[in-house]
């Protein structure tokens, strides 16, 4: 199975930047699409962005488009989420997850139920 380890969260002032990392280990054949989700207390888990293996395709939520950039390094099995111009409503626990499906797929991989493996989450807090 695939295991994912996240890092890079923290406390930042509004307008600042953070870069999250997701190290994938184990059966990397399951790392065909890497997704990022976030969840605030008492809220549903929300799609943020995703990237296909080889970075041939990316997807973004309208909530972060133009501010966040997803990337990956297949050689090191690492995914990244660069977050710029952060806002207080970006505050949440951020999770990376692996979708075993291969691109092309029908539509954006925004459904959390399609992902088989999840990281432990990393807290991002944006102050006013």
N, C-alpha and C. Protein backbone atom coordinates (compact mmCIF):
# COMPACT_ATOMS: atom_id res chain seq x y z
N UNK A 1 0.83 -1.17 0.00
CA UNK A 1 0.00 0.00 0.00
C UNK A 1 0.88 1.24 0.00
N UNK A 2 0.25 2.37 -0.27
CA UNK A 2 0.94 3.65 -0.34
C UNK A 2 0.80 4.36 1.00
N UNK A 3 1.91 4.93 1.47
CA UNK A 3 1.89 5.77 2.65
C UNK A 3 2.35 7.17 2.28
N UNK A 4 1.74 8.17 2.89
CA UNK A 4 2.01 9.56 2.58
C UNK A 4 2.35 10.31 3.86
N UNK A 5 3.39 11.12 3.80
CA UNK A 5 3.85 11.89 4.94
C UNK A 5 3.91 13.36 4.55
N UNK A 6 3.16 14.19 5.25
CA UNK A 6 3.04 15.60 4.93
C UNK A 6 3.91 16.44 5.87
N UNK A 7 4.32 17.60 5.36
CA UNK A 7 5.05 18.56 6.17
C UNK A 7 4.87 19.95 5.57
N UNK A 8 5.26 20.97 6.32
CA UNK A 8 5.27 22.33 5.81
C UNK A 8 4.19 23.24 6.34
N UNK A 9 3.25 22.72 7.11
CA UNK A 9 2.23 23.57 7.67
C UNK A 9 2.77 24.47 8.76
N UNK A 10 1.96 25.44 9.16
CA UNK A 10 2.37 26.35 10.20
C UNK A 10 1.44 27.54 10.31
N UNK A 11 1.91 28.53 11.02
CA UNK A 11 1.17 29.78 11.24
C UNK A 11 1.77 30.87 10.37
N UNK A 12 0.93 31.58 9.63
CA UNK A 12 1.39 32.62 8.74
C UNK A 12 0.38 33.76 8.74
N UNK A 13 0.86 34.96 8.53
CA UNK A 13 -0.01 36.13 8.45
C UNK A 13 -0.68 36.18 7.09
N UNK A 14 -1.87 36.77 7.05
CA UNK A 14 -2.57 36.94 5.78
C UNK A 14 -1.67 37.63 4.76
N UNK A 15 -1.70 37.11 3.53
CA UNK A 15 -0.83 37.60 2.48
C UNK A 15 0.47 36.86 2.35
N UNK A 16 0.80 36.02 3.32
CA UNK A 16 2.03 35.27 3.30
C UNK A 16 1.93 33.99 2.49
N UNK A 17 3.01 33.20 2.54
CA UNK A 17 3.12 32.00 1.73
C UNK A 17 3.60 30.83 2.56
N UNK A 18 3.21 29.64 2.14
CA UNK A 18 3.71 28.38 2.69
C UNK A 18 3.84 27.38 1.55
N UNK A 19 4.74 26.42 1.72
CA UNK A 19 4.85 25.31 0.78
C UNK A 19 4.69 24.00 1.54
N UNK A 20 3.69 23.23 1.16
CA UNK A 20 3.45 21.93 1.74
C UNK A 20 4.13 20.86 0.90
N UNK A 21 4.63 19.82 1.57
CA UNK A 21 5.25 18.69 0.90
C UNK A 21 4.53 17.41 1.26
N UNK A 22 4.53 16.47 0.34
CA UNK A 22 3.90 15.16 0.55
C UNK A 22 4.86 14.10 0.03
N UNK A 23 5.51 13.40 0.95
CA UNK A 23 6.42 12.32 0.58
C UNK A 23 5.64 11.02 0.49
N UNK A 24 5.74 10.35 -0.65
CA UNK A 24 5.02 9.11 -0.89
C UNK A 24 5.99 7.95 -0.80
N UNK A 25 5.62 6.91 -0.08
CA UNK A 25 6.45 5.72 0.03
C UNK A 25 5.57 4.48 -0.04
N UNK A 26 6.23 3.34 -0.26
CA UNK A 26 5.52 2.09 -0.41
C UNK A 26 5.30 1.77 -1.87
N UNK A 27 4.12 1.29 -2.17
CA UNK A 27 3.78 0.88 -3.53
C UNK A 27 3.42 2.12 -4.34
N UNK A 28 4.42 2.73 -4.96
CA UNK A 28 4.21 3.99 -5.66
C UNK A 28 3.38 3.85 -6.93
N UNK A 29 3.08 2.63 -7.34
CA UNK A 29 2.15 2.46 -8.45
C UNK A 29 0.79 3.07 -8.13
N UNK A 30 0.48 3.23 -6.85
CA UNK A 30 -0.75 3.89 -6.46
C UNK A 30 -0.71 5.41 -6.55
N UNK A 31 0.44 5.98 -6.90
CA UNK A 31 0.62 7.43 -6.99
C UNK A 31 0.42 7.88 -8.43
N UNK A 32 -0.78 7.67 -8.96
CA UNK A 32 -1.11 8.10 -10.31
C UNK A 32 -1.69 9.50 -10.35
N UNK A 33 -2.49 9.84 -9.35
CA UNK A 33 -2.98 11.20 -9.15
C UNK A 33 -2.77 11.54 -7.69
N UNK A 34 -2.13 12.66 -7.44
CA UNK A 34 -1.94 13.17 -6.09
C UNK A 34 -2.90 14.34 -5.87
N UNK A 35 -3.70 14.25 -4.84
CA UNK A 35 -4.66 15.29 -4.53
C UNK A 35 -4.36 15.96 -3.20
N UNK A 36 -4.76 17.21 -3.09
CA UNK A 36 -4.72 17.96 -1.84
C UNK A 36 -6.15 18.34 -1.46
N UNK A 37 -6.49 18.08 -0.21
CA UNK A 37 -7.78 18.44 0.36
C UNK A 37 -7.54 19.21 1.65
N UNK A 38 -8.58 19.91 2.10
CA UNK A 38 -8.48 20.59 3.38
C UNK A 38 -9.80 20.47 4.13
N UNK A 39 -9.72 20.59 5.45
CA UNK A 39 -10.89 20.43 6.29
C UNK A 39 -10.77 21.33 7.51
N UNK A 40 -11.73 22.23 7.65
CA UNK A 40 -11.82 23.07 8.83
C UNK A 40 -12.69 22.36 9.87
N UNK A 41 -12.56 22.72 11.15
CA UNK A 41 -13.35 22.05 12.19
C UNK A 41 -14.84 22.11 11.92
N UNK A 42 -15.49 20.95 11.99
CA UNK A 42 -16.92 20.88 11.78
C UNK A 42 -17.37 20.99 10.34
N UNK A 43 -16.43 21.06 9.39
CA UNK A 43 -16.76 21.23 7.98
C UNK A 43 -16.45 19.98 7.18
N UNK A 44 -17.02 19.90 5.99
CA UNK A 44 -16.73 18.80 5.08
C UNK A 44 -15.33 18.95 4.51
N UNK A 45 -14.73 17.82 4.19
CA UNK A 45 -13.44 17.85 3.52
C UNK A 45 -13.61 18.42 2.11
N UNK A 46 -12.71 19.32 1.73
CA UNK A 46 -12.86 20.14 0.55
C UNK A 46 -11.68 19.95 -0.40
N UNK A 47 -11.97 19.77 -1.67
CA UNK A 47 -10.94 19.62 -2.69
C UNK A 47 -10.17 20.92 -2.88
N UNK A 48 -8.86 20.82 -3.02
CA UNK A 48 -8.00 21.98 -3.23
C UNK A 48 -7.35 21.93 -4.62
N UNK A 49 -6.61 20.86 -4.90
CA UNK A 49 -5.88 20.75 -6.16
C UNK A 49 -5.46 19.30 -6.35
N UNK A 50 -5.09 18.95 -7.58
CA UNK A 50 -4.60 17.61 -7.89
C UNK A 50 -3.67 17.67 -9.08
N UNK A 51 -2.82 16.64 -9.21
CA UNK A 51 -1.86 16.56 -10.29
C UNK A 51 -1.70 15.10 -10.71
N UNK A 52 -1.58 14.86 -12.01
CA UNK A 52 -1.38 13.52 -12.52
C UNK A 52 0.10 13.17 -12.51
N UNK A 53 0.40 11.87 -12.54
CA UNK A 53 1.78 11.42 -12.63
C UNK A 53 2.43 11.99 -13.88
N UNK A 54 3.64 12.50 -13.74
CA UNK A 54 4.32 13.15 -14.83
C UNK A 54 3.90 14.59 -15.05
N UNK A 55 2.98 15.09 -14.24
CA UNK A 55 2.53 16.49 -14.29
C UNK A 55 1.95 16.85 -15.66
N UNK A 56 1.32 15.89 -16.31
CA UNK A 56 0.72 16.18 -17.61
C UNK A 56 -0.61 16.91 -17.47
N UNK A 57 -1.19 16.91 -16.25
CA UNK A 57 -2.47 17.56 -16.03
C UNK A 57 -2.56 18.01 -14.58
N UNK A 58 -3.10 19.21 -14.37
CA UNK A 58 -3.39 19.70 -13.04
C UNK A 58 -4.82 20.19 -12.97
N UNK A 59 -5.37 20.18 -11.76
CA UNK A 59 -6.72 20.66 -11.50
C UNK A 59 -6.68 21.53 -10.24
N UNK A 60 -7.53 22.56 -10.22
CA UNK A 60 -7.60 23.46 -9.08
C UNK A 60 -9.04 23.79 -8.73
N UNK A 61 -9.31 23.88 -7.45
CA UNK A 61 -10.56 24.47 -6.99
C UNK A 61 -10.58 25.95 -7.32
N UNK A 62 -11.75 26.47 -7.64
CA UNK A 62 -11.88 27.90 -7.87
C UNK A 62 -11.51 28.72 -6.64
N UNK A 63 -11.56 28.12 -5.46
CA UNK A 63 -11.23 28.82 -4.24
C UNK A 63 -9.75 29.18 -4.15
N UNK A 64 -8.89 28.46 -4.87
CA UNK A 64 -7.45 28.67 -4.76
C UNK A 64 -6.79 28.98 -6.09
N UNK A 65 -7.52 28.93 -7.17
CA UNK A 65 -6.95 29.15 -8.50
C UNK A 65 -6.31 30.53 -8.57
N UNK A 66 -5.09 30.58 -9.09
CA UNK A 66 -4.35 31.82 -9.17
C UNK A 66 -3.51 32.13 -7.95
N UNK A 67 -3.73 31.42 -6.85
CA UNK A 67 -2.96 31.62 -5.63
C UNK A 67 -2.10 30.41 -5.27
N UNK A 68 -2.60 29.21 -5.53
CA UNK A 68 -1.89 27.98 -5.19
C UNK A 68 -1.36 27.34 -6.46
N UNK A 69 -0.22 26.65 -6.34
CA UNK A 69 0.38 25.92 -7.44
C UNK A 69 0.77 24.53 -6.97
N UNK A 70 0.30 23.51 -7.68
CA UNK A 70 0.63 22.13 -7.36
C UNK A 70 1.73 21.66 -8.29
N UNK A 71 2.65 20.87 -7.76
CA UNK A 71 3.74 20.32 -8.55
C UNK A 71 4.16 18.98 -7.96
N UNK A 72 5.05 18.28 -8.67
CA UNK A 72 5.51 16.98 -8.19
C UNK A 72 6.88 16.67 -8.74
N UNK A 73 7.58 15.78 -8.06
CA UNK A 73 8.88 15.27 -8.49
C UNK A 73 8.77 13.76 -8.45
N UNK A 74 8.55 13.15 -9.60
CA UNK A 74 8.34 11.70 -9.64
C UNK A 74 9.58 10.93 -9.20
N UNK A 75 10.77 11.46 -9.48
CA UNK A 75 11.99 10.76 -9.12
C UNK A 75 12.10 10.56 -7.61
N UNK A 76 11.65 11.54 -6.84
CA UNK A 76 11.70 11.44 -5.38
C UNK A 76 10.35 11.10 -4.77
N UNK A 77 9.34 10.87 -5.61
CA UNK A 77 7.99 10.55 -5.15
C UNK A 77 7.48 11.57 -4.15
N UNK A 78 7.59 12.84 -4.52
CA UNK A 78 7.21 13.93 -3.64
C UNK A 78 6.27 14.88 -4.37
N UNK A 79 5.21 15.26 -3.71
CA UNK A 79 4.30 16.28 -4.21
C UNK A 79 4.43 17.55 -3.41
N UNK A 80 4.08 18.67 -4.03
CA UNK A 80 4.19 19.97 -3.38
C UNK A 80 2.94 20.79 -3.64
N UNK A 81 2.62 21.63 -2.69
CA UNK A 81 1.57 22.62 -2.85
C UNK A 81 2.11 23.96 -2.39
N UNK A 82 2.40 24.84 -3.34
CA UNK A 82 2.85 26.18 -3.04
C UNK A 82 1.63 27.07 -2.85
N UNK A 83 1.52 27.69 -1.69
CA UNK A 83 0.36 28.50 -1.34
C UNK A 83 0.81 29.94 -1.15
N UNK A 84 0.34 30.83 -2.01
CA UNK A 84 0.67 32.24 -1.95
C UNK A 84 -0.58 33.06 -1.66
N UNK A 85 -0.35 34.29 -1.19
CA UNK A 85 -1.46 35.20 -0.89
C UNK A 85 -2.51 34.53 -0.02
N UNK A 86 -2.06 33.93 1.06
CA UNK A 86 -2.96 33.20 1.94
C UNK A 86 -3.95 34.13 2.63
N UNK A 87 -5.14 33.60 2.86
CA UNK A 87 -6.22 34.33 3.50
C UNK A 87 -6.67 33.58 4.73
N UNK A 88 -7.31 34.27 5.69
CA UNK A 88 -7.77 33.57 6.89
C UNK A 88 -8.71 32.41 6.60
N UNK A 89 -9.51 32.48 5.54
CA UNK A 89 -10.40 31.38 5.23
C UNK A 89 -9.68 30.18 4.61
N UNK A 90 -8.38 30.27 4.39
CA UNK A 90 -7.58 29.11 4.02
C UNK A 90 -7.21 28.26 5.22
N UNK A 91 -7.49 28.73 6.42
CA UNK A 91 -7.14 27.99 7.63
C UNK A 91 -7.87 26.65 7.67
N UNK A 92 -7.10 25.57 7.80
CA UNK A 92 -7.66 24.23 7.80
C UNK A 92 -6.53 23.24 8.03
N UNK A 93 -6.89 21.98 8.25
CA UNK A 93 -5.94 20.89 8.16
C UNK A 93 -5.88 20.46 6.70
N UNK A 94 -4.67 20.40 6.15
CA UNK A 94 -4.46 20.04 4.76
C UNK A 94 -3.96 18.60 4.67
N UNK A 95 -4.57 17.83 3.76
CA UNK A 95 -4.25 16.43 3.57
C UNK A 95 -3.82 16.19 2.13
N UNK A 96 -2.82 15.35 1.93
CA UNK A 96 -2.55 14.82 0.61
C UNK A 96 -3.09 13.40 0.53
N UNK A 97 -3.43 12.99 -0.68
CA UNK A 97 -4.06 11.69 -0.88
C UNK A 97 -3.71 11.15 -2.26
N UNK A 98 -3.72 9.84 -2.38
CA UNK A 98 -3.36 9.15 -3.62
C UNK A 98 -4.59 8.51 -4.25
N UNK A 99 -4.80 8.80 -5.52
CA UNK A 99 -5.87 8.23 -6.33
C UNK A 99 -5.24 7.23 -7.28
N UNK A 100 -5.65 5.96 -7.25
CA UNK A 100 -5.02 4.97 -8.12
C UNK A 100 -5.39 5.09 -9.59
N UNK A 101 -6.37 5.86 -9.94
CA UNK A 101 -6.77 5.99 -11.33
C UNK A 101 -5.70 6.71 -12.14
N UNK A 102 -5.62 6.38 -13.41
CA UNK A 102 -4.67 7.00 -14.32
C UNK A 102 -5.36 8.04 -15.19
N UNK A 103 -4.66 9.11 -15.46
CA UNK A 103 -5.16 10.11 -16.40
C UNK A 103 -5.08 9.55 -17.81
N UNK A 104 -6.07 9.74 -18.69
CA UNK A 104 -7.21 10.64 -18.54
C UNK A 104 -8.35 10.04 -17.73
N UNK A 105 -9.06 10.89 -17.03
CA UNK A 105 -10.25 10.53 -16.28
C UNK A 105 -11.38 11.43 -16.72
N UNK A 106 -12.56 11.08 -16.29
CA UNK A 106 -13.74 11.87 -16.61
C UNK A 106 -13.92 12.95 -15.56
N UNK A 107 -13.63 14.17 -15.91
CA UNK A 107 -13.78 15.29 -14.99
C UNK A 107 -12.61 15.43 -14.04
N UNK A 108 -12.73 16.37 -13.14
CA UNK A 108 -11.69 16.63 -12.16
C UNK A 108 -11.75 15.61 -11.03
N UNK A 109 -10.60 15.22 -10.49
CA UNK A 109 -10.56 14.25 -9.38
C UNK A 109 -10.82 14.92 -8.04
N UNK A 110 -11.99 15.50 -7.90
CA UNK A 110 -12.33 16.29 -6.73
C UNK A 110 -13.14 15.53 -5.69
N UNK A 111 -13.46 14.27 -5.94
CA UNK A 111 -14.25 13.46 -5.02
C UNK A 111 -13.32 12.72 -4.07
N UNK A 112 -13.40 13.02 -2.80
CA UNK A 112 -12.51 12.41 -1.82
C UNK A 112 -12.66 10.90 -1.75
N UNK A 113 -13.83 10.37 -2.10
CA UNK A 113 -14.05 8.94 -2.02
C UNK A 113 -13.26 8.16 -3.07
N UNK A 114 -12.70 8.82 -4.07
CA UNK A 114 -11.90 8.15 -5.09
C UNK A 114 -10.47 7.88 -4.63
N UNK A 115 -10.07 8.46 -3.53
CA UNK A 115 -8.69 8.35 -3.05
C UNK A 115 -8.58 7.23 -2.02
N UNK A 116 -7.57 6.38 -2.19
CA UNK A 116 -7.42 5.21 -1.34
C UNK A 116 -6.55 5.44 -0.12
N UNK A 117 -5.56 6.30 -0.23
CA UNK A 117 -4.58 6.50 0.83
C UNK A 117 -4.44 7.97 1.15
N UNK A 118 -4.31 8.26 2.45
CA UNK A 118 -4.28 9.63 2.94
C UNK A 118 -3.12 9.85 3.90
N UNK A 119 -2.59 11.07 3.88
CA UNK A 119 -1.62 11.47 4.88
C UNK A 119 -2.30 11.81 6.19
N UNK A 120 -1.48 12.14 7.18
CA UNK A 120 -1.99 12.42 8.52
C UNK A 120 -2.55 13.83 8.65
N UNK A 121 -2.25 14.70 7.71
CA UNK A 121 -2.70 16.07 7.74
C UNK A 121 -1.68 17.00 8.38
N UNK A 122 -1.65 18.23 7.91
CA UNK A 122 -0.78 19.26 8.48
C UNK A 122 -1.59 20.54 8.64
N UNK A 123 -1.46 21.17 9.80
CA UNK A 123 -2.28 22.33 10.12
C UNK A 123 -1.72 23.58 9.46
N UNK A 124 -2.59 24.32 8.79
CA UNK A 124 -2.27 25.64 8.24
C UNK A 124 -3.18 26.65 8.91
N UNK A 125 -2.60 27.64 9.54
CA UNK A 125 -3.36 28.69 10.21
C UNK A 125 -2.92 30.04 9.66
N UNK A 126 -3.88 30.80 9.17
CA UNK A 126 -3.62 32.11 8.59
C UNK A 126 -4.28 33.15 9.47
N UNK A 127 -3.49 34.03 10.04
CA UNK A 127 -4.01 35.05 10.94
C UNK A 127 -4.38 36.31 10.16
N UNK A 128 -5.31 37.08 10.73
CA UNK A 128 -5.75 38.31 10.09
C UNK A 128 -4.71 39.40 10.22
